[in-house]
């Protein structure tokens, strides 16, 4: 058998730029609206922390040249924000361009 080859997806800068910008704007827009000291406030804070952590990871991976992991992490960051918006623990101002809202 031949040597295993590593699959390196060709991820263009434009795609990374698009999702980093989208997620950065979504992070700025998503405001916690769950009632203070409620279980849902804890959920919202956890979703927010996860989104911020994945976004930070995405930046780290991109800076290190790991484009595949950067894209995966920025997708996860945005997914946490989308989930919080759909659950109703984030106010996103009805923005269906940045978020996947139920309609």
PDB file of N, CA and C in Angstrom:
ATOM      1  N   UNK A   1       0.828  -1.186   0.000  1.00  0.00           N
ATOM      2  CA  UNK A   1       0.000   0.000   0.000  1.00  0.00           C
ATOM      3  C   UNK A   1       0.866   1.240   0.000  1.00  0.00           C
ATOM      4  N   UNK A   2       0.335   2.293  -0.622  1.00  0.00           N
ATOM      5  CA  UNK A   2       1.040   3.570  -0.654  1.00  0.00           C
ATOM      6  C   UNK A   2       0.868   4.309   0.657  1.00  0.00           C
ATOM      7  N   UNK A   3       1.659   5.320   0.807  1.00  0.00           N
ATOM      8  CA  UNK A   3       1.562   6.143   2.016  1.00  0.00           C
ATOM      9  C   UNK A   3       0.211   6.849   2.051  1.00  0.00           C
ATOM     10  N   UNK A   4      -0.342   6.947   3.236  1.00  0.00           N
ATOM     11  CA  UNK A   4      -1.619   7.646   3.398  1.00  0.00           C
ATOM     12  C   UNK A   4      -1.397   9.119   3.085  1.00  0.00           C
ATOM     13  N   UNK A   5      -2.307   9.674   2.337  1.00  0.00           N
ATOM     14  CA  UNK A   5      -2.163  11.092   2.033  1.00  0.00           C
ATOM     15  C   UNK A   5      -3.129  11.904   2.883  1.00  0.00           C
ATOM     16  N   UNK A   6      -2.652  13.027   3.289  1.00  0.00           N
ATOM     17  CA  UNK A   6      -3.481  13.911   4.111  1.00  0.00           C
ATOM     18  C   UNK A   6      -4.405  14.711   3.200  1.00  0.00           C
ATOM     19  N   UNK A   7      -5.660  14.748   3.568  1.00  0.00           N
ATOM     20  CA  UNK A   7      -6.614  15.530   2.808  1.00  0.00           C
ATOM     21  C   UNK A   7      -6.621  16.951   3.352  1.00  0.00           C
ATOM     22  N   UNK A   8      -6.255  17.891   2.520  1.00  0.00           N
ATOM     23  CA  UNK A   8      -6.257  19.290   2.919  1.00  0.00           C
ATOM     24  C   UNK A   8      -7.248  20.022   2.036  1.00  0.00           C
ATOM     25  N   UNK A   9      -8.380  20.358   2.602  1.00  0.00           N
ATOM     26  CA  UNK A   9      -9.373  21.046   1.778  1.00  0.00           C
ATOM     27  C   UNK A   9      -8.877  22.421   1.350  1.00  0.00           C
ATOM     28  N   UNK A  10      -9.232  22.802   0.160  1.00  0.00           N
ATOM     29  CA  UNK A  10      -8.889  24.126  -0.349  1.00  0.00           C
ATOM     30  C   UNK A  10      -9.971  25.093   0.129  1.00  0.00           C
ATOM     31  N   UNK A  11      -9.694  25.783   1.190  1.00  0.00           N
ATOM     32  CA  UNK A  11     -10.653  26.717   1.782  1.00  0.00           C
ATOM     33  C   UNK A  11     -10.163  28.131   1.481  1.00  0.00           C
ATOM     34  N   UNK A  12     -10.873  28.821   0.602  1.00  0.00           N
ATOM     35  CA  UNK A  12     -10.411  30.161   0.208  1.00  0.00           C
ATOM     36  C   UNK A  12     -10.576  31.197   1.322  1.00  0.00           C
ATOM     37  N   UNK A  13      -9.727  32.209   1.270  1.00  0.00           N
ATOM     38  CA  UNK A  13      -9.817  33.311   2.228  1.00  0.00           C
ATOM     39  C   UNK A  13     -11.204  33.934   2.232  1.00  0.00           C
ATOM     40  N   UNK A  14     -11.809  34.060   1.065  1.00  0.00           N
ATOM     41  CA  UNK A  14     -13.125  34.701   0.974  1.00  0.00           C
ATOM     42  C   UNK A  14     -14.165  33.961   1.810  1.00  0.00           C
ATOM     43  N   UNK A  15     -14.102  32.637   1.829  1.00  0.00           N
ATOM     44  CA  UNK A  15     -15.057  31.853   2.625  1.00  0.00           C
ATOM     45  C   UNK A  15     -14.810  32.065   4.116  1.00  0.00           C
ATOM     46  N   UNK A  16     -13.553  32.010   4.522  1.00  0.00           N
ATOM     47  CA  UNK A  16     -13.229  32.262   5.926  1.00  0.00           C
ATOM     48  C   UNK A  16     -13.621  33.681   6.321  1.00  0.00           C
ATOM     49  N   UNK A  17     -13.286  34.645   5.477  1.00  0.00           N
ATOM     50  CA  UNK A  17     -13.639  36.041   5.770  1.00  0.00           C
ATOM     51  C   UNK A  17     -15.145  36.196   5.964  1.00  0.00           C
ATOM     52  N   UNK A  18     -15.921  35.560   5.088  1.00  0.00           N
ATOM     53  CA  UNK A  18     -17.382  35.657   5.150  1.00  0.00           C
ATOM     54  C   UNK A  18     -17.912  35.163   6.489  1.00  0.00           C
ATOM     55  N   UNK A  19     -17.477  33.974   6.918  1.00  0.00           N
ATOM     56  CA  UNK A  19     -18.025  33.402   8.148  1.00  0.00           C
ATOM     57  C   UNK A  19     -17.432  34.009   9.412  1.00  0.00           C
ATOM     58  N   UNK A  20     -16.203  34.489   9.349  1.00  0.00           N
ATOM     59  CA  UNK A  20     -15.664  35.212  10.497  1.00  0.00           C
ATOM     60  C   UNK A  20     -16.436  36.528  10.683  1.00  0.00           C
ATOM     61  N   UNK A  21     -16.698  37.223   9.592  1.00  0.00           N
ATOM     62  CA  UNK A  21     -17.453  38.482   9.673  1.00  0.00           C
ATOM     63  C   UNK A  21     -18.880  38.235  10.146  1.00  0.00           C
ATOM     64  N   UNK A  22     -19.539  37.244   9.565  1.00  0.00           N
ATOM     65  CA  UNK A  22     -20.911  36.914   9.944  1.00  0.00           C
ATOM     66  C   UNK A  22     -21.008  36.606  11.436  1.00  0.00           C
ATOM     67  N   UNK A  23     -20.083  35.804  11.926  1.00  0.00           N
ATOM     68  CA  UNK A  23     -20.116  35.402  13.333  1.00  0.00           C
ATOM     69  C   UNK A  23     -19.737  36.554  14.250  1.00  0.00           C
ATOM     70  N   UNK A  24     -18.792  37.373  13.838  1.00  0.00           N
ATOM     71  CA  UNK A  24     -18.432  38.549  14.643  1.00  0.00           C
ATOM     72  C   UNK A  24     -19.634  39.478  14.793  1.00  0.00           C
ATOM     73  N   UNK A  25     -20.357  39.716  13.695  1.00  0.00           N
ATOM     74  CA  UNK A  25     -21.537  40.569  13.755  1.00  0.00           C
ATOM     75  C   UNK A  25     -22.646  39.927  14.590  1.00  0.00           C
ATOM     76  N   UNK A  26     -22.787  38.607  14.486  1.00  0.00           N
ATOM     77  CA  UNK A  26     -23.808  37.901  15.277  1.00  0.00           C
ATOM     78  C   UNK A  26     -23.473  37.969  16.764  1.00  0.00           C
ATOM     79  N   UNK A  27     -22.207  37.821  17.114  1.00  0.00           N
ATOM     80  CA  UNK A  27     -21.797  37.945  18.516  1.00  0.00           C
ATOM     81  C   UNK A  27     -22.144  39.339  19.060  1.00  0.00           C
ATOM     82  N   UNK A  28     -21.934  40.357  18.248  1.00  0.00           N
ATOM     83  CA  UNK A  28     -22.220  41.731  18.682  1.00  0.00           C
ATOM     84  C   UNK A  28     -23.725  41.971  18.828  1.00  0.00           C
ATOM     85  N   UNK A  29     -24.515  41.275  18.039  1.00  0.00           N
ATOM     86  CA  UNK A  29     -25.955  41.523  18.024  1.00  0.00           C
ATOM     87  C   UNK A  29     -26.721  40.724  19.080  1.00  0.00           C
ATOM     88  N   UNK A  30     -26.279  39.516  19.375  1.00  0.00           N
ATOM     89  CA  UNK A  30     -27.014  38.629  20.284  1.00  0.00           C
ATOM     90  C   UNK A  30     -26.926  39.142  21.725  1.00  0.00           C
ATOM     91  N   UNK A  31     -28.057  39.525  22.256  1.00  0.00           N
ATOM     92  CA  UNK A  31     -28.132  40.031  23.637  1.00  0.00           C
ATOM     93  C   UNK A  31     -28.938  39.054  24.486  1.00  0.00           C
ATOM     94  N   UNK A  32     -28.412  38.740  25.651  1.00  0.00           N
ATOM     95  CA  UNK A  32     -29.112  37.824  26.559  1.00  0.00           C
ATOM     96  C   UNK A  32     -30.367  38.502  27.082  1.00  0.00           C
ATOM     97  N   UNK A  33     -31.501  37.808  26.922  1.00  0.00           N
ATOM     98  CA  UNK A  33     -32.787  38.353  27.386  1.00  0.00           C
ATOM     99  C   UNK A  33     -33.500  37.411  28.353  1.00  0.00           C
ATOM    100  N   UNK A  34     -32.880  36.318  28.693  1.00  0.00           N
ATOM    101  CA  UNK A  34     -33.488  35.398  29.656  1.00  0.00           C
ATOM    102  C   UNK A  34     -33.583  36.092  31.007  1.00  0.00           C
ATOM    103  N   UNK A  35     -34.610  35.786  31.769  1.00  0.00           N
ATOM    104  CA  UNK A  35     -34.777  36.426  33.081  1.00  0.00           C
ATOM    105  C   UNK A  35     -33.574  36.178  34.001  1.00  0.00           C
ATOM    106  N   UNK A  36     -33.193  37.227  34.719  1.00  0.00           N
ATOM    107  CA  UNK A  36     -32.075  37.111  35.661  1.00  0.00           C
ATOM    108  C   UNK A  36     -32.321  36.003  36.670  1.00  0.00           C
ATOM    109  N   UNK A  37     -31.252  35.305  36.991  1.00  0.00           N
ATOM    110  CA  UNK A  37     -31.235  34.245  38.002  1.00  0.00           C
ATOM    111  C   UNK A  37     -32.129  33.058  37.637  1.00  0.00           C
ATOM    112  N   UNK A  38     -32.531  32.981  36.389  1.00  0.00           N
ATOM    113  CA  UNK A  38     -33.351  31.848  35.949  1.00  0.00           C
ATOM    114  C   UNK A  38     -32.461  30.766  35.342  1.00  0.00           C
ATOM    115  N   UNK A  39     -33.034  29.592  35.185  1.00  0.00           N
ATOM    116  CA  UNK A  39     -32.315  28.513  34.505  1.00  0.00           C
ATOM    117  C   UNK A  39     -31.957  28.937  33.084  1.00  0.00           C
ATOM    118  N   UNK A  40     -32.868  29.632  32.418  1.00  0.00           N
ATOM    119  CA  UNK A  40     -32.603  30.048  31.039  1.00  0.00           C
ATOM    120  C   UNK A  40     -31.492  31.087  30.944  1.00  0.00           C
ATOM    121  N   UNK A  41     -31.308  31.879  31.976  1.00  0.00           N
ATOM    122  CA  UNK A  41     -30.166  32.805  31.959  1.00  0.00           C
ATOM    123  C   UNK A  41     -28.866  32.014  31.970  1.00  0.00           C
ATOM    124  N   UNK A  42     -28.824  30.947  32.759  1.00  0.00           N
ATOM    125  CA  UNK A  42     -27.628  30.100  32.782  1.00  0.00           C
ATOM    126  C   UNK A  42     -27.405  29.448  31.429  1.00  0.00           C
ATOM    127  N   UNK A  43     -28.485  29.014  30.794  1.00  0.00           N
ATOM    128  CA  UNK A  43     -28.393  28.430  29.454  1.00  0.00           C
ATOM    129  C   UNK A  43     -27.837  29.473  28.481  1.00  0.00           C
ATOM    130  N   UNK A  44     -28.391  30.682  28.506  1.00  0.00           N
ATOM    131  CA  UNK A  44     -27.949  31.745  27.612  1.00  0.00           C
ATOM    132  C   UNK A  44     -26.471  32.065  27.821  1.00  0.00           C
ATOM    133  N   UNK A  45     -26.064  32.146  29.080  1.00  0.00           N
ATOM    134  CA  UNK A  45     -24.665  32.441  29.374  1.00  0.00           C
ATOM    135  C   UNK A  45     -23.757  31.319  28.878  1.00  0.00           C
ATOM    136  N   UNK A  46     -24.205  30.079  29.026  1.00  0.00           N
ATOM    137  CA  UNK A  46     -23.428  28.945  28.530  1.00  0.00           C
ATOM    138  C   UNK A  46     -23.327  28.974  27.006  1.00  0.00           C
ATOM    139  N   UNK A  47     -24.443  29.236  26.323  1.00  0.00           N
ATOM    140  CA  UNK A  47     -24.435  29.318  24.859  1.00  0.00           C
ATOM    141  C   UNK A  47     -23.492  30.438  24.413  1.00  0.00           C
ATOM    142  N   UNK A  48     -23.546  31.564  25.091  1.00  0.00           N
ATOM    143  CA  UNK A  48     -22.692  32.708  24.745  1.00  0.00           C
ATOM    144  C   UNK A  48     -21.214  32.365  24.950  1.00  0.00           C
ATOM    145  N   UNK A  49     -20.909  31.730  26.076  1.00  0.00           N
ATOM    146  CA  UNK A  49     -19.531  31.335  26.361  1.00  0.00           C
ATOM    147  C   UNK A  49     -19.021  30.347  25.309  1.00  0.00           C
ATOM    148  N   UNK A  50     -19.858  29.391  24.937  1.00  0.00           N
ATOM    149  CA  UNK A  50     -19.460  28.422  23.915  1.00  0.00           C
ATOM    150  C   UNK A  50     -19.192  29.126  22.587  1.00  0.00           C
ATOM    151  N   UNK A  51     -20.066  30.056  22.200  1.00  0.00           N
ATOM    152  CA  UNK A  51     -19.891  30.786  20.939  1.00  0.00           C
ATOM    153  C   UNK A  51     -18.586  31.583  20.959  1.00  0.00           C
ATOM    154  N   UNK A  52     -18.333  32.286  22.049  1.00  0.00           N
ATOM    155  CA  UNK A  52     -17.117  33.082  22.158  1.00  0.00           C
ATOM    156  C   UNK A  52     -15.870  32.200  22.149  1.00  0.00           C
ATOM    157  N   UNK A  53     -15.940  31.067  22.828  1.00  0.00           N
ATOM    158  CA  UNK A  53     -14.796  30.154  22.892  1.00  0.00           C
ATOM    159  C   UNK A  53     -14.482  29.562  21.522  1.00  0.00           C
ATOM    160  N   UNK A  54     -15.520  29.125  20.814  1.00  0.00           N
ATOM    161  CA  UNK A  54     -15.294  28.579  19.474  1.00  0.00           C
ATOM    162  C   UNK A  54     -14.783  29.660  18.524  1.00  0.00           C
ATOM    163  N   UNK A  55     -15.254  30.886  18.669  1.00  0.00           N
ATOM    164  CA  UNK A  55     -14.777  31.972  17.820  1.00  0.00           C
ATOM    165  C   UNK A  55     -13.289  32.241  18.080  1.00  0.00           C
ATOM    166  N   UNK A  56     -12.916  32.244  19.348  1.00  0.00           N
ATOM    167  CA  UNK A  56     -11.510  32.422  19.710  1.00  0.00           C
ATOM    168  C   UNK A  56     -10.668  31.272  19.159  1.00  0.00           C
ATOM    169  N   UNK A  57     -11.172  30.047  19.290  1.00  0.00           N
ATOM    170  CA  UNK A  57     -10.469  28.895  18.726  1.00  0.00           C
ATOM    171  C   UNK A  57     -10.304  29.042  17.215  1.00  0.00           C
ATOM    172  N   UNK A  58     -11.356  29.488  16.539  1.00  0.00           N
ATOM    173  CA  UNK A  58     -11.315  29.660  15.087  1.00  0.00           C
ATOM    174  C   UNK A  58     -10.212  30.653  14.701  1.00  0.00           C
ATOM    175  N   UNK A  59     -10.114  31.736  15.457  1.00  0.00           N
ATOM    176  CA  UNK A  59      -9.062  32.722  15.188  1.00  0.00           C
ATOM    177  C   UNK A  59      -7.683  32.098  15.367  1.00  0.00           C
ATOM    178  N   UNK A  60      -7.521  31.320  16.421  1.00  0.00           N
ATOM    179  CA  UNK A  60      -6.252  30.650  16.697  1.00  0.00           C
ATOM    180  C   UNK A  60      -5.887  29.687  15.565  1.00  0.00           C
ATOM    181  N   UNK A  61      -6.854  28.866  15.141  1.00  0.00           N
ATOM    182  CA  UNK A  61      -6.587  27.912  14.066  1.00  0.00           C
ATOM    183  C   UNK A  61      -6.227  28.637  12.768  1.00  0.00           C
ATOM    184  N   UNK A  62      -6.948  29.704  12.478  1.00  0.00           N
ATOM    185  CA  UNK A  62      -6.675  30.437  11.239  1.00  0.00           C
ATOM    186  C   UNK A  62      -5.277  31.033  11.270  1.00  0.00           C
ATOM    187  N   UNK A  63      -4.928  31.634  12.394  1.00  0.00           N
ATOM    188  CA  UNK A  63      -3.600  32.237  12.523  1.00  0.00           C
ATOM    189  C   UNK A  63      -2.506  31.180  12.356  1.00  0.00           C
ATOM    190  N   UNK A  64      -2.786  29.963  12.821  1.00  0.00           N
ATOM    191  CA  UNK A  64      -1.818  28.876  12.710  1.00  0.00           C
ATOM    192  C   UNK A  64      -1.838  28.156  11.367  1.00  0.00           C
ATOM    193  N   UNK A  65      -2.702  28.614  10.462  1.00  0.00           N
ATOM    194  CA  UNK A  65      -2.748  28.022   9.135  1.00  0.00           C
ATOM    195  C   UNK A  65      -3.645  26.807   8.990  1.00  0.00           C
ATOM    196  N   UNK A  66      -4.348  26.442  10.055  1.00  0.00           N
ATOM    197  CA  UNK A  66      -5.249  25.283  10.002  1.00  0.00           C
ATOM    198  C   UNK A  66      -6.637  25.762   9.572  1.00  0.00           C
ATOM    199  N   UNK A  67      -6.792  25.912   8.268  1.00  0.00           N
ATOM    200  CA  UNK A  67      -7.995  26.506   7.702  1.00  0.00           C
ATOM    201  C   UNK A  67      -9.231  25.636   7.919  1.00  0.00           C
ATOM    202  N   UNK A  68      -9.063  24.333   7.850  1.00  0.00           N
ATOM    203  CA  UNK A  68     -10.209  23.429   8.035  1.00  0.00           C
ATOM    204  C   UNK A  68     -10.764  23.540   9.455  1.00  0.00           C
ATOM    205  N   UNK A  69      -9.882  23.514  10.435  1.00  0.00           N
ATOM    206  CA  UNK A  69     -10.350  23.643  11.818  1.00  0.00           C
ATOM    207  C   UNK A  69     -10.883  25.043  12.093  1.00  0.00           C
ATOM    208  N   UNK A  70     -10.293  26.046  11.477  1.00  0.00           N
ATOM    209  CA  UNK A  70     -10.793  27.412  11.644  1.00  0.00           C
ATOM    210  C   UNK A  70     -12.225  27.511  11.141  1.00  0.00           C
ATOM    211  N   UNK A  71     -12.481  26.951   9.971  1.00  0.00           N
ATOM    212  CA  UNK A  71     -13.833  27.010   9.417  1.00  0.00           C
ATOM    213  C   UNK A  71     -14.807  26.205  10.272  1.00  0.00           C
ATOM    214  N   UNK A  72     -14.397  25.031  10.710  1.00  0.00           N
ATOM    215  CA  UNK A  72     -15.258  24.223  11.571  1.00  0.00           C
ATOM    216  C   UNK A  72     -15.589  24.939  12.871  1.00  0.00           C
ATOM    217  N   UNK A  73     -14.602  25.563  13.478  1.00  0.00           N
ATOM    218  CA  UNK A  73     -14.821  26.245  14.757  1.00  0.00           C
ATOM    219  C   UNK A  73     -15.708  27.474  14.595  1.00  0.00           C
ATOM    220  N   UNK A  74     -15.538  28.218  13.518  1.00  0.00           N
ATOM    221  CA  UNK A  74     -16.378  29.401  13.330  1.00  0.00           C
ATOM    222  C   UNK A  74     -17.816  28.980  13.027  1.00  0.00           C
ATOM    223  N   UNK A  75     -17.993  27.853  12.333  1.00  0.00           N
ATOM    224  CA  UNK A  75     -19.347  27.315  12.126  1.00  0.00           C
ATOM    225  C   UNK A  75     -19.989  26.946  13.467  1.00  0.00           C
ATOM    226  N   UNK A  76     -19.241  26.282  14.332  1.00  0.00           N
ATOM    227  CA  UNK A  76     -19.762  25.914  15.651  1.00  0.00           C
ATOM    228  C   UNK A  76     -20.123  27.157  16.460  1.00  0.00           C
ATOM    229  N   UNK A  77     -19.257  28.171  16.417  1.00  0.00           N
ATOM    230  CA  UNK A  77     -19.531  29.415  17.155  1.00  0.00           C
ATOM    231  C   UNK A  77     -20.877  29.992  16.728  1.00  0.00           C
ATOM    232  N   UNK A  78     -21.080  30.038  15.436  1.00  0.00           N
ATOM    233  CA  UNK A  78     -22.328  30.619  14.944  1.00  0.00           C
ATOM    234  C   UNK A  78     -23.515  29.725  15.268  1.00  0.00           C
ATOM    235  N   UNK A  79     -23.309  28.427  15.261  1.00  0.00           N
ATOM    236  CA  UNK A  79     -24.402  27.501  15.587  1.00  0.00           C
ATOM    237  C   UNK A  79     -24.898  27.704  17.016  1.00  0.00           C
ATOM    238  N   UNK A  80     -23.998  27.971  17.947  1.00  0.00           N
ATOM    239  CA  UNK A  80     -24.418  28.236  19.329  1.00  0.00           C
ATOM    240  C   UNK A  80     -25.274  29.500  19.392  1.00  0.00           C
ATOM    241  N   UNK A  81     -24.898  30.506  18.633  1.00  0.00           N
ATOM    242  CA  UNK A  81     -25.687  31.740  18.611  1.00  0.00           C
ATOM    243  C   UNK A  81     -27.057  31.504  17.977  1.00  0.00           C
ATOM    244  N   UNK A  82     -27.080  30.763  16.884  1.00  0.00           N
ATOM    245  CA  UNK A  82     -28.354  30.423  16.241  1.00  0.00           C
ATOM    246  C   UNK A  82     -29.269  29.663  17.194  1.00  0.00           C
ATOM    247  N   UNK A  83     -28.693  28.706  17.902  1.00  0.00           N
ATOM    248  CA  UNK A  83     -29.497  27.914  18.836  1.00  0.00           C
ATOM    249  C   UNK A  83     -30.093  28.806  19.920  1.00  0.00           C
ATOM    250  N   UNK A  84     -29.304  29.724  20.453  1.00  0.00           N
ATOM    251  CA  UNK A  84     -29.802  30.641  21.479  1.00  0.00           C
ATOM    252  C   UNK A  84     -30.882  31.572  20.949  1.00  0.00           C
ATOM    253  N   UNK A  85     -30.718  32.016  19.709  1.00  0.00           N
ATOM    254  CA  UNK A  85     -31.732  32.879  19.100  1.00  0.00           C
ATOM    255  C   UNK A  85     -33.036  32.114  18.901  1.00  0.00           C
ATOM    256  N   UNK A  86     -32.948  30.888  18.431  1.00  0.00           N
ATOM    257  CA  UNK A  86     -34.157  30.088  18.203  1.00  0.00           C
ATOM    258  C   UNK A  86     -34.834  29.706  19.516  1.00  0.00           C
ATOM    259  N   UNK A  87     -34.030  29.473  20.543  1.00  0.00           N
ATOM    260  CA  UNK A  87     -34.573  29.134  21.851  1.00  0.00           C
ATOM    261  C   UNK A  87     -35.238  30.354  22.506  1.00  0.00           C
ATOM    262  N   UNK A  88     -34.811  31.530  22.102  1.00  0.00           N
ATOM    263  CA  UNK A  88     -35.389  32.753  22.646  1.00  0.00           C
ATOM    264  C   UNK A  88     -34.635  33.328  23.827  1.00  0.00           C
ATOM    265  N   UNK A  89     -33.427  32.850  24.079  1.00  0.00           N
ATOM    266  CA  UNK A  89     -32.645  33.393  25.184  1.00  0.00           C
ATOM    267  C   UNK A  89     -31.761  34.552  24.732  1.00  0.00           C
ATOM    268  N   UNK A  90     -31.659  34.753  23.402  1.00  0.00           N
ATOM    269  CA  UNK A  90     -30.958  35.908  22.841  1.00  0.00           C
ATOM    270  C   UNK A  90     -31.961  36.752  22.062  1.00  0.00           C
ATOM    271  N   UNK A  91     -31.875  38.044  22.239  1.00  0.00           N
ATOM    272  CA  UNK A  91     -32.603  38.967  21.374  1.00  0.00           C
ATOM    273  C   UNK A  91     -31.662  39.293  20.227  1.00  0.00           C
ATOM    274  N   UNK A  92     -32.109  39.023  19.007  1.00  0.00           N
ATOM    275  CA  UNK A  92     -31.300  39.296  17.825  1.00  0.00           C
ATOM    276  C   UNK A  92     -32.009  40.281  16.899  1.00  0.00           C
ATOM    277  N   UNK A  93     -33.012  40.949  17.432  1.00  0.00           N
ATOM    278  CA  UNK A  93     -33.715  41.968  16.675  1.00  0.00           C
ATOM    279  C   UNK A  93     -34.403  41.456  15.422  1.00  0.00           C
ATOM    280  N   UNK A  94     -34.767  40.176  15.417  1.00  0.00           N
ATOM    281  CA  UNK A  94     -35.443  39.615  14.256  1.00  0.00           C
ATOM    282  C   UNK A  94     -34.569  39.506  13.022  1.00  0.00           C
ATOM    283  N   UNK A  95     -33.258  39.563  13.199  1.00  0.00           N
ATOM    284  CA  UNK A  95     -32.317  39.564  12.073  1.00  0.00           C
ATOM    285  C   UNK A  95     -32.192  38.177  11.444  1.00  0.00           C
ATOM    286  N   UNK A  96     -32.889  37.974  10.341  1.00  0.00           N
ATOM    287  CA  UNK A  96     -32.844  36.684   9.675  1.00  0.00           C
ATOM    288  C   UNK A  96     -31.708  36.597   8.654  1.00  0.00           C
ATOM    289  N   UNK A  97     -30.901  37.656   8.550  1.00  0.00           N
ATOM    290  CA  UNK A  97     -29.701  37.597   7.715  1.00  0.00           C
ATOM    291  C   UNK A  97     -28.528  36.983   8.496  1.00  0.00           C
ATOM    292  N   UNK A  98     -28.455  37.317   9.784  1.00  0.00           N
ATOM    293  CA  UNK A  98     -27.374  36.795  10.622  1.00  0.00           C
ATOM    294  C   UNK A  98     -27.756  35.504  11.336  1.00  0.00           C
ATOM    295  N   UNK A  99     -29.054  35.267  11.484  1.00  0.00           N
ATOM    296  CA  UNK A  99     -29.518  34.133  12.278  1.00  0.00           C
ATOM    297  C   UNK A  99     -30.558  33.324  11.506  1.00  0.00           C
ATOM    298  N   UNK A 100     -30.630  32.050  11.837  1.00  0.00           N
ATOM    299  CA  UNK A 100     -31.651  31.178  11.262  1.00  0.00           C
ATOM    300  C   UNK A 100     -32.829  31.172  12.221  1.00  0.00           C
ATOM    301  N   UNK A 101     -33.785  32.028  11.940  1.00  0.00           N
ATOM    302  CA  UNK A 101     -34.928  32.171  12.841  1.00  0.00           C
ATOM    303  C   UNK A 101     -36.110  31.358  12.342  1.00  0.00           C
ATOM    304  N   UNK A 102     -36.885  30.859  13.288  1.00  0.00           N
ATOM    305  CA  UNK A 102     -38.105  30.125  12.933  1.00  0.00           C
ATOM    306  C   UNK A 102     -39.079  31.105  12.294  1.00  0.00           C
ATOM    307  N   UNK A 103     -39.748  30.653  11.283  1.00  0.00           N
ATOM    308  CA  UNK A 103     -40.649  31.575  10.608  1.00  0.00           C
ATOM    309  C   UNK A 103     -41.933  30.974  10.398  1.00  0.00           C
TER     310      UNK A 103
END
